[in-house]
């Protein structure tokens, strides 16, 4: 008995193989890709799990995959918030229908593909001088299989940009369960246009089983891990935690292992909901997403909901807390429905500057 890739449910090796066959055949239907996935044997699955267990620990692996294996995520309950609209599939259909009837759907779809570029300057006396002017491209909430045109639009948006490293704060796929083959297909079109190195963390839409395939495309996924970025014999730390929102799989103590006290730390967390823990751990800059900035806002930019257990001022853009700087991306993609109103999608370049400032 093993777990089938893309389903998170126990299955036989034969079923797993059938579920993954023919991944590279592609068809389009209603603006979305329909793909199957390549075959995987029971032995391949065991090797995958062994590799992940070495990185995250056996207990973390069992807990994460156990929750994934329960099938579709509930609309109410679990996680840091009680209501999870991303799992309410019938509501997605209703919202789409209402937008069509009101003749607003086309407008909202155009808005969702109009990806803007935001420039955010982050000043800190703690930043080593060698990193003055260091630029991080921040992508979040891509939901690459939501709209078949989106990967191309995103690739064109990021292709001409200049930066030193790229970070992605989770939610690669649209659904919270099922196959991620279409998501990987879309990501394979974007990755050639991203400059290396690329680092990422998982979101509440992402399966732990996606990690080997994400990394095969050329990124490093941080699973409560950290890497050291070096420049002219000076260093800063990039720390990444597993999803803190639904799976509550973040482990700052493990993620901080080996980080020097007083060093400049950039934390990647899918959601800003662990802002208190991050600030008191000594984080200098926290980069997050998840909220989509509301995605559909009232006139004046007021979000209807943010789906995050944190102060509203942390739901979009730059913020600070207890000496820590933070930035919550409104996301480049869309969830629930591929439409946005009064909330333009974005990619962000964070420019780190040494000198007076927070953190």
Protein backbone atom coordinates (compact mmCIF):
# COMPACT_ATOMS: atom_id res chain seq x y z
CA UNK A 1 0.00 0.00 0.00
CA UNK A 2 1.32 3.46 -0.88
CA UNK A 3 0.03 6.98 -1.39
CA UNK A 4 -0.96 8.11 -4.88
CA UNK A 5 0.73 11.24 -6.11
CA UNK A 6 -1.77 14.01 -6.61
CA UNK A 7 -4.50 12.48 -4.51
CA UNK A 8 -3.00 12.15 -1.04
CA UNK A 9 -5.10 9.01 -0.54
CA UNK A 10 -3.78 5.47 0.02
CA UNK A 11 -3.92 3.42 -3.15
CA UNK A 12 -2.26 0.49 -4.84
CA UNK A 13 0.85 0.96 -6.95
CA UNK A 14 -1.20 0.06 -10.05
CA UNK A 15 -3.74 2.80 -9.29
CA UNK A 16 -0.97 5.26 -8.58
CA UNK A 17 0.65 4.43 -11.90
CA UNK A 18 -2.61 4.86 -13.77
CA UNK A 19 -3.29 8.16 -12.05
CA UNK A 20 0.08 9.54 -13.16
CA UNK A 21 0.20 8.23 -16.73
CA UNK A 22 0.45 10.62 -19.64
CA UNK A 23 1.22 13.81 -17.73
CA UNK A 24 2.59 15.57 -20.79
CA UNK A 25 -0.56 15.22 -22.86
CA UNK A 26 -2.32 18.56 -22.67
CA UNK A 27 -5.77 19.77 -23.64
CA UNK A 28 -7.68 22.94 -22.95
CA UNK A 29 -11.24 23.28 -21.76
CA UNK A 30 -12.95 26.46 -20.59
CA UNK A 31 -9.60 28.19 -20.09
CA UNK A 32 -8.18 25.44 -17.89
CA UNK A 33 -5.75 22.62 -18.58
CA UNK A 34 -6.76 19.00 -18.20
CA UNK A 35 -3.73 16.80 -17.64
CA UNK A 36 -2.99 13.38 -16.32
CA UNK A 37 0.29 12.61 -14.56
CA UNK A 38 3.30 10.37 -15.28
CA UNK A 39 3.53 6.87 -13.84
CA UNK A 40 5.13 6.29 -10.48
CA UNK A 41 5.93 2.94 -8.95
CA UNK A 42 5.48 1.88 -5.35
CA UNK A 43 9.26 1.89 -4.92
CA UNK A 44 9.46 5.45 -6.27
CA UNK A 45 6.88 6.47 -3.69
CA UNK A 46 8.90 4.90 -0.88
CA UNK A 47 12.05 6.72 -2.00
CA UNK A 48 10.11 9.98 -2.12
CA UNK A 49 8.83 9.55 1.42
CA UNK A 50 12.25 8.55 2.73
CA UNK A 51 13.81 11.67 1.21
CA UNK A 52 11.15 13.95 2.66
CA UNK A 53 11.37 12.28 6.08
CA UNK A 54 15.10 12.99 6.22
CA UNK A 55 14.39 16.69 5.69
CA UNK A 56 11.28 17.32 7.79
CA UNK A 57 11.32 14.43 10.26
CA UNK A 58 9.08 11.38 10.41
CA UNK A 59 6.49 12.98 12.72
CA UNK A 60 6.07 16.05 10.50
CA UNK A 61 5.78 13.82 7.44
CA UNK A 62 3.09 11.65 9.03
CA UNK A 63 1.08 14.62 10.26
CA UNK A 64 1.25 16.58 7.00
CA UNK A 65 0.45 13.61 4.75
CA UNK A 66 -2.14 12.33 7.21
CA UNK A 67 -4.11 15.56 6.94
CA UNK A 68 -3.67 15.61 3.16
CA UNK A 69 -4.84 12.00 3.04
CA UNK A 70 -8.18 12.86 4.62
CA UNK A 71 -9.33 14.06 1.19
CA UNK A 72 -10.90 17.41 0.39
CA UNK A 73 -10.29 20.04 3.03
CA UNK A 74 -13.36 21.16 5.01
CA UNK A 75 -15.09 24.50 4.54
CA UNK A 76 -15.44 25.01 8.30
CA UNK A 77 -12.96 23.99 10.98
CA UNK A 78 -9.22 23.37 11.36
CA UNK A 79 -6.40 25.77 10.72
CA UNK A 80 -5.92 29.22 12.20
CA UNK A 81 -9.27 30.43 10.85
CA UNK A 82 -12.55 28.54 11.08
CA UNK A 83 -13.87 29.36 7.59
CA UNK A 84 -12.05 28.22 4.45
CA UNK A 85 -13.82 29.63 1.36
CA UNK A 86 -11.20 28.14 -0.96
CA UNK A 87 -12.72 24.72 -0.17
CA UNK A 88 -16.35 25.72 -0.83
CA UNK A 89 -16.52 24.53 -4.44
CA UNK A 90 -20.26 25.12 -4.90
CA UNK A 91 -19.77 28.74 -3.83
CA UNK A 92 -17.06 29.13 -6.47
CA UNK A 93 -19.58 28.14 -9.14
CA UNK A 94 -22.19 30.50 -7.72
CA UNK A 95 -19.80 33.46 -7.66
CA UNK A 96 -18.80 32.75 -11.26
CA UNK A 97 -22.45 32.56 -12.30
CA UNK A 98 -23.33 35.82 -10.55
CA UNK A 99 -20.41 37.60 -12.19
CA UNK A 100 -21.50 36.35 -15.60
CA UNK A 101 -25.10 37.41 -15.04
CA UNK A 102 -23.96 40.86 -13.95
CA UNK A 103 -21.69 41.10 -17.03
CA UNK A 104 -18.71 41.71 -14.74
CA UNK A 105 -16.86 38.42 -15.25
CA UNK A 106 -14.92 39.48 -18.33
CA UNK A 107 -13.83 42.69 -16.64
CA UNK A 108 -12.75 40.79 -13.54
CA UNK A 109 -10.79 38.28 -15.64
CA UNK A 110 -8.94 41.07 -17.43
CA UNK A 111 -8.12 42.61 -14.06
CA UNK A 112 -6.76 39.27 -12.84
CA UNK A 113 -4.30 39.09 -15.75
CA UNK A 114 -3.13 42.70 -15.37
CA UNK A 115 -0.13 41.94 -13.15
CA UNK A 116 1.56 45.01 -11.72
CA UNK A 117 5.09 45.54 -10.43
CA UNK A 118 5.56 46.90 -6.90
CA UNK A 119 8.88 48.26 -5.64
CA UNK A 120 9.36 48.07 -1.86
CA UNK A 121 12.42 49.52 -0.12
CA UNK A 122 13.36 47.87 3.19
CA UNK A 123 15.90 49.72 5.36
CA UNK A 124 17.69 48.13 8.28
CA UNK A 125 20.70 48.99 10.39
CA UNK A 126 21.22 45.23 10.80
CA UNK A 127 21.72 44.59 7.08
CA UNK A 128 25.39 43.93 6.17
CA UNK A 129 26.83 46.66 3.93
CA UNK A 130 27.66 44.11 1.25
CA UNK A 131 23.91 43.51 0.81
CA UNK A 132 23.03 47.18 0.41
CA UNK A 133 20.92 47.29 -2.76
CA UNK A 134 20.25 43.53 -2.79
CA UNK A 135 16.99 42.86 -4.64
CA UNK A 136 14.52 40.04 -3.98
CA UNK A 137 11.77 39.27 -6.48
CA UNK A 138 8.75 38.13 -4.45
CA UNK A 139 5.99 36.03 -6.07
CA UNK A 140 3.05 34.57 -4.18
CA UNK A 141 -0.23 32.72 -4.65
CA UNK A 142 0.33 31.78 -8.27
CA UNK A 143 -2.50 29.22 -8.55
CA UNK A 144 -0.99 28.35 -11.91
CA UNK A 145 -3.80 26.06 -13.08
CA UNK A 146 -6.59 28.58 -12.45
CA UNK A 147 -6.43 30.14 -15.93
CA UNK A 148 -4.58 28.69 -18.92
CA UNK A 149 -3.35 32.13 -20.02
CA UNK A 150 -1.87 33.03 -16.65
CA UNK A 151 1.53 31.25 -16.88
CA UNK A 152 2.35 33.08 -20.13
CA UNK A 153 1.26 36.43 -18.70
CA UNK A 154 3.34 35.87 -15.55
CA UNK A 155 6.39 34.78 -17.57
CA UNK A 156 6.22 37.95 -19.64
CA UNK A 157 5.85 40.06 -16.49
CA UNK A 158 8.95 38.67 -14.77
CA UNK A 159 11.20 38.08 -17.79
CA UNK A 160 12.74 41.59 -18.05
CA UNK A 161 13.15 42.20 -14.31
CA UNK A 162 16.55 42.62 -12.63
CA UNK A 163 17.07 41.10 -9.17
CA UNK A 164 19.51 38.98 -7.17
CA UNK A 165 17.24 36.15 -5.99
CA UNK A 166 13.61 35.10 -6.36
CA UNK A 167 11.35 33.95 -3.50
CA UNK A 168 7.90 32.36 -3.81
CA UNK A 169 5.62 32.27 -0.77
CA UNK A 170 3.39 29.34 -1.62
CA UNK A 171 0.11 28.30 -3.21
CA UNK A 172 1.29 26.98 -6.55
CA UNK A 173 -1.97 25.20 -7.42
CA UNK A 174 -5.64 26.20 -7.58
CA UNK A 175 -7.39 23.37 -5.72
CA UNK A 176 -6.47 22.23 -2.22
CA UNK A 177 -6.65 18.54 -3.20
CA UNK A 178 -6.34 16.40 -6.30
CA UNK A 179 -3.79 16.41 -9.09
CA UNK A 180 -1.15 19.13 -9.43
CA UNK A 181 -0.02 18.12 -12.93
CA UNK A 182 -1.56 21.20 -14.59
CA UNK A 183 0.07 23.41 -11.98
CA UNK A 184 3.51 21.94 -12.74
CA UNK A 185 2.88 22.31 -16.45
CA UNK A 186 2.22 26.02 -15.94
CA UNK A 187 5.21 26.40 -13.65
CA UNK A 188 7.48 24.78 -16.24
CA UNK A 189 6.63 27.70 -18.55
CA UNK A 190 7.48 30.30 -15.95
CA UNK A 191 10.69 28.90 -14.45
CA UNK A 192 12.90 29.50 -17.54
CA UNK A 193 12.11 33.21 -17.18
CA UNK A 194 13.13 33.43 -13.51
CA UNK A 195 16.72 34.24 -12.60
CA UNK A 196 18.46 31.87 -10.21
CA UNK A 197 18.52 31.27 -7.33
CA UNK A 198 14.81 30.61 -6.66
CA UNK A 199 13.57 29.70 -3.16
CA UNK A 200 10.03 28.80 -2.11
CA UNK A 201 7.77 27.61 0.68
CA UNK A 202 4.51 25.65 0.52
CA UNK A 203 1.05 27.11 1.06
CA UNK A 204 -2.24 25.65 2.19
CA UNK A 205 -3.09 24.66 -1.40
CA UNK A 206 0.15 22.70 -1.81
CA UNK A 207 0.94 19.06 -1.10
CA UNK A 208 4.18 18.01 0.53
CA UNK A 209 4.44 15.44 -2.26
CA UNK A 210 4.89 18.25 -4.78
CA UNK A 211 8.32 19.15 -3.39
CA UNK A 212 10.54 16.81 -5.48
CA UNK A 213 8.84 17.93 -8.69
CA UNK A 214 9.02 21.60 -7.75
CA UNK A 215 12.72 21.23 -7.03
CA UNK A 216 13.26 19.33 -10.28
CA UNK A 217 12.08 22.47 -12.07
CA UNK A 218 14.92 24.47 -10.53
CA UNK A 219 13.87 25.88 -7.17
CA UNK A 220 14.78 25.06 -3.57
CA UNK A 221 11.76 24.51 -1.32
CA UNK A 222 12.46 25.41 2.31
CA UNK A 223 10.66 22.96 4.63
CA UNK A 224 11.35 24.54 8.02
CA UNK A 225 14.88 25.04 6.71
CA UNK A 226 17.26 27.90 5.98
CA UNK A 227 19.96 28.84 3.52
CA UNK A 228 22.80 31.33 3.81
CA UNK A 229 23.13 34.02 1.16
CA UNK A 230 26.70 35.31 0.83
CA UNK A 231 28.11 38.47 -0.68
CA UNK A 232 31.71 39.68 -0.37
CA UNK A 233 32.35 37.56 2.75
CA UNK A 234 29.18 38.79 4.48
CA UNK A 235 25.96 36.86 4.92
CA UNK A 236 22.24 37.05 5.51
CA UNK A 237 19.86 34.17 6.22
CA UNK A 238 16.81 33.09 4.26
CA UNK A 239 14.49 31.00 6.46
CA UNK A 240 11.39 29.21 5.18
CA UNK A 241 8.57 27.48 7.06
CA UNK A 242 5.92 25.01 5.94
CA UNK A 243 2.31 26.24 5.73
CA UNK A 244 1.23 27.88 9.02
CA UNK A 245 -2.40 28.55 8.02
CA UNK A 246 -4.25 25.28 7.41
CA UNK A 247 -1.70 22.54 8.09
CA UNK A 248 -0.04 24.53 10.90
CA UNK A 249 3.16 22.79 9.86
CA UNK A 250 5.51 25.69 10.64
CA UNK A 251 8.40 25.01 13.01
CA UNK A 252 10.48 28.11 13.64
CA UNK A 253 12.83 26.36 16.04
CA UNK A 254 13.79 23.81 13.40
CA UNK A 255 13.86 26.43 10.64
CA UNK A 256 16.22 28.66 12.68
CA UNK A 257 18.77 25.89 13.24
CA UNK A 258 22.26 27.26 12.56
CA UNK A 259 21.19 30.90 12.23
CA UNK A 260 23.57 33.25 14.05
CA UNK A 261 22.00 35.45 16.74
CA UNK A 262 21.81 39.05 15.59
CA UNK A 263 22.11 38.15 11.92
CA UNK A 264 19.83 39.60 9.26
CA UNK A 265 17.02 37.09 8.66
CA UNK A 266 14.45 37.08 5.88
CA UNK A 267 11.56 34.74 6.72
CA UNK A 268 9.35 33.19 4.04
CA UNK A 269 5.97 32.16 5.42
CA UNK A 270 2.91 31.53 3.26
CA UNK A 271 0.72 33.45 5.71
CA UNK A 272 1.62 36.40 7.98
CA UNK A 273 -0.28 34.73 10.84
CA UNK A 274 2.91 33.80 12.73
CA UNK A 275 4.08 37.42 12.89
CA UNK A 276 4.41 37.42 16.70
CA UNK A 277 6.56 34.30 16.82
CA UNK A 278 8.68 35.57 13.92
CA UNK A 279 9.31 38.96 15.50
CA UNK A 280 10.35 37.50 18.84
CA UNK A 281 12.56 34.93 17.14
CA UNK A 282 14.63 37.79 15.75
CA UNK A 283 13.31 37.99 12.20
CA UNK A 284 14.32 41.14 10.31
CA UNK A 285 11.97 40.90 7.31
CA UNK A 286 8.95 38.62 6.95
CA UNK A 287 7.58 37.97 3.44
CA UNK A 288 4.14 36.38 3.07
CA UNK A 289 1.07 36.07 0.89
CA UNK A 290 -2.13 34.00 1.28
CA UNK A 291 -4.59 36.88 1.76
CA UNK A 292 -4.70 37.96 -1.91
CA UNK A 293 -5.25 41.40 -0.39
CA UNK A 294 -8.92 40.43 -0.43
CA UNK A 295 -8.86 39.89 -4.25
CA UNK A 296 -12.36 41.35 -4.58
CA UNK A 297 -12.45 44.67 -2.77
CA UNK A 298 -15.11 47.27 -2.26
CA UNK A 299 -14.60 50.72 -3.80
CA UNK A 300 -11.79 52.43 -1.94
CA UNK A 301 -9.82 49.20 -1.68
CA UNK A 302 -11.61 47.74 1.35
CA UNK A 303 -11.28 43.92 1.36
CA UNK A 304 -14.44 41.92 1.95
CA UNK A 305 -12.38 39.23 3.68
CA UNK A 306 -8.71 38.31 4.07
CA UNK A 307 -8.97 34.74 5.44
CA UNK A 308 -6.11 35.25 7.88
CA UNK A 309 -5.85 35.47 11.66
CA UNK A 310 -3.82 38.67 11.80
CA UNK A 311 -4.49 42.42 12.00
CA UNK A 312 -5.97 43.83 8.81
CA UNK A 313 -3.07 46.21 8.31
CA UNK A 314 -0.91 43.12 7.71
CA UNK A 315 -3.19 41.77 4.97
CA UNK A 316 -1.53 43.65 2.11
CA UNK A 317 1.65 45.59 1.46
CA UNK A 318 4.36 46.74 3.88
CA UNK A 319 3.89 46.70 7.65
CA UNK A 320 5.94 46.43 10.83
CA UNK A 321 5.57 44.80 14.22
CA UNK A 322 7.85 44.86 17.27
CA UNK A 323 10.86 46.02 15.27
CA UNK A 324 10.29 43.54 12.43
CA UNK A 325 9.47 44.66 8.91
CA UNK A 326 6.89 42.70 6.97
CA UNK A 327 5.33 42.57 3.53
CA UNK A 328 2.21 40.66 2.52
CA UNK A 329 1.83 40.23 -1.22
CA UNK A 330 -1.66 40.52 -2.69
CA UNK A 331 -0.54 37.70 -4.98
CA UNK A 332 0.03 37.34 -8.69
CA UNK A 333 -2.70 34.75 -9.24
CA UNK A 334 -6.31 34.32 -8.19
CA UNK A 335 -8.24 31.82 -6.10
CA UNK A 336 -11.91 30.76 -5.88
CA UNK A 337 -12.68 32.68 -9.09
CA UNK A 338 -10.27 34.01 -11.72
CA UNK A 339 -11.36 37.62 -11.26
CA UNK A 340 -10.20 40.66 -9.31
CA UNK A 341 -11.80 43.97 -8.50
CA UNK A 342 -10.07 46.98 -6.91
CA UNK A 343 -7.10 44.74 -6.09
CA UNK A 344 -4.49 44.51 -8.83
CA UNK A 345 -2.32 41.37 -8.79
CA UNK A 346 1.37 42.00 -8.27
CA UNK A 347 4.92 40.81 -8.31
CA UNK A 348 7.17 42.70 -5.90
CA UNK A 349 10.82 43.64 -5.85
CA UNK A 350 12.12 44.23 -2.32
CA UNK A 351 15.26 46.35 -2.31
CA UNK A 352 17.29 45.87 0.86
CA UNK A 353 19.12 48.99 2.04
CA UNK A 354 21.62 49.29 4.88
CA UNK A 355 21.07 52.16 7.28
CA UNK A 356 18.59 53.60 9.73
CA UNK A 357 15.29 51.75 9.86
CA UNK A 358 13.38 48.92 11.49
CA UNK A 359 14.96 45.51 12.20
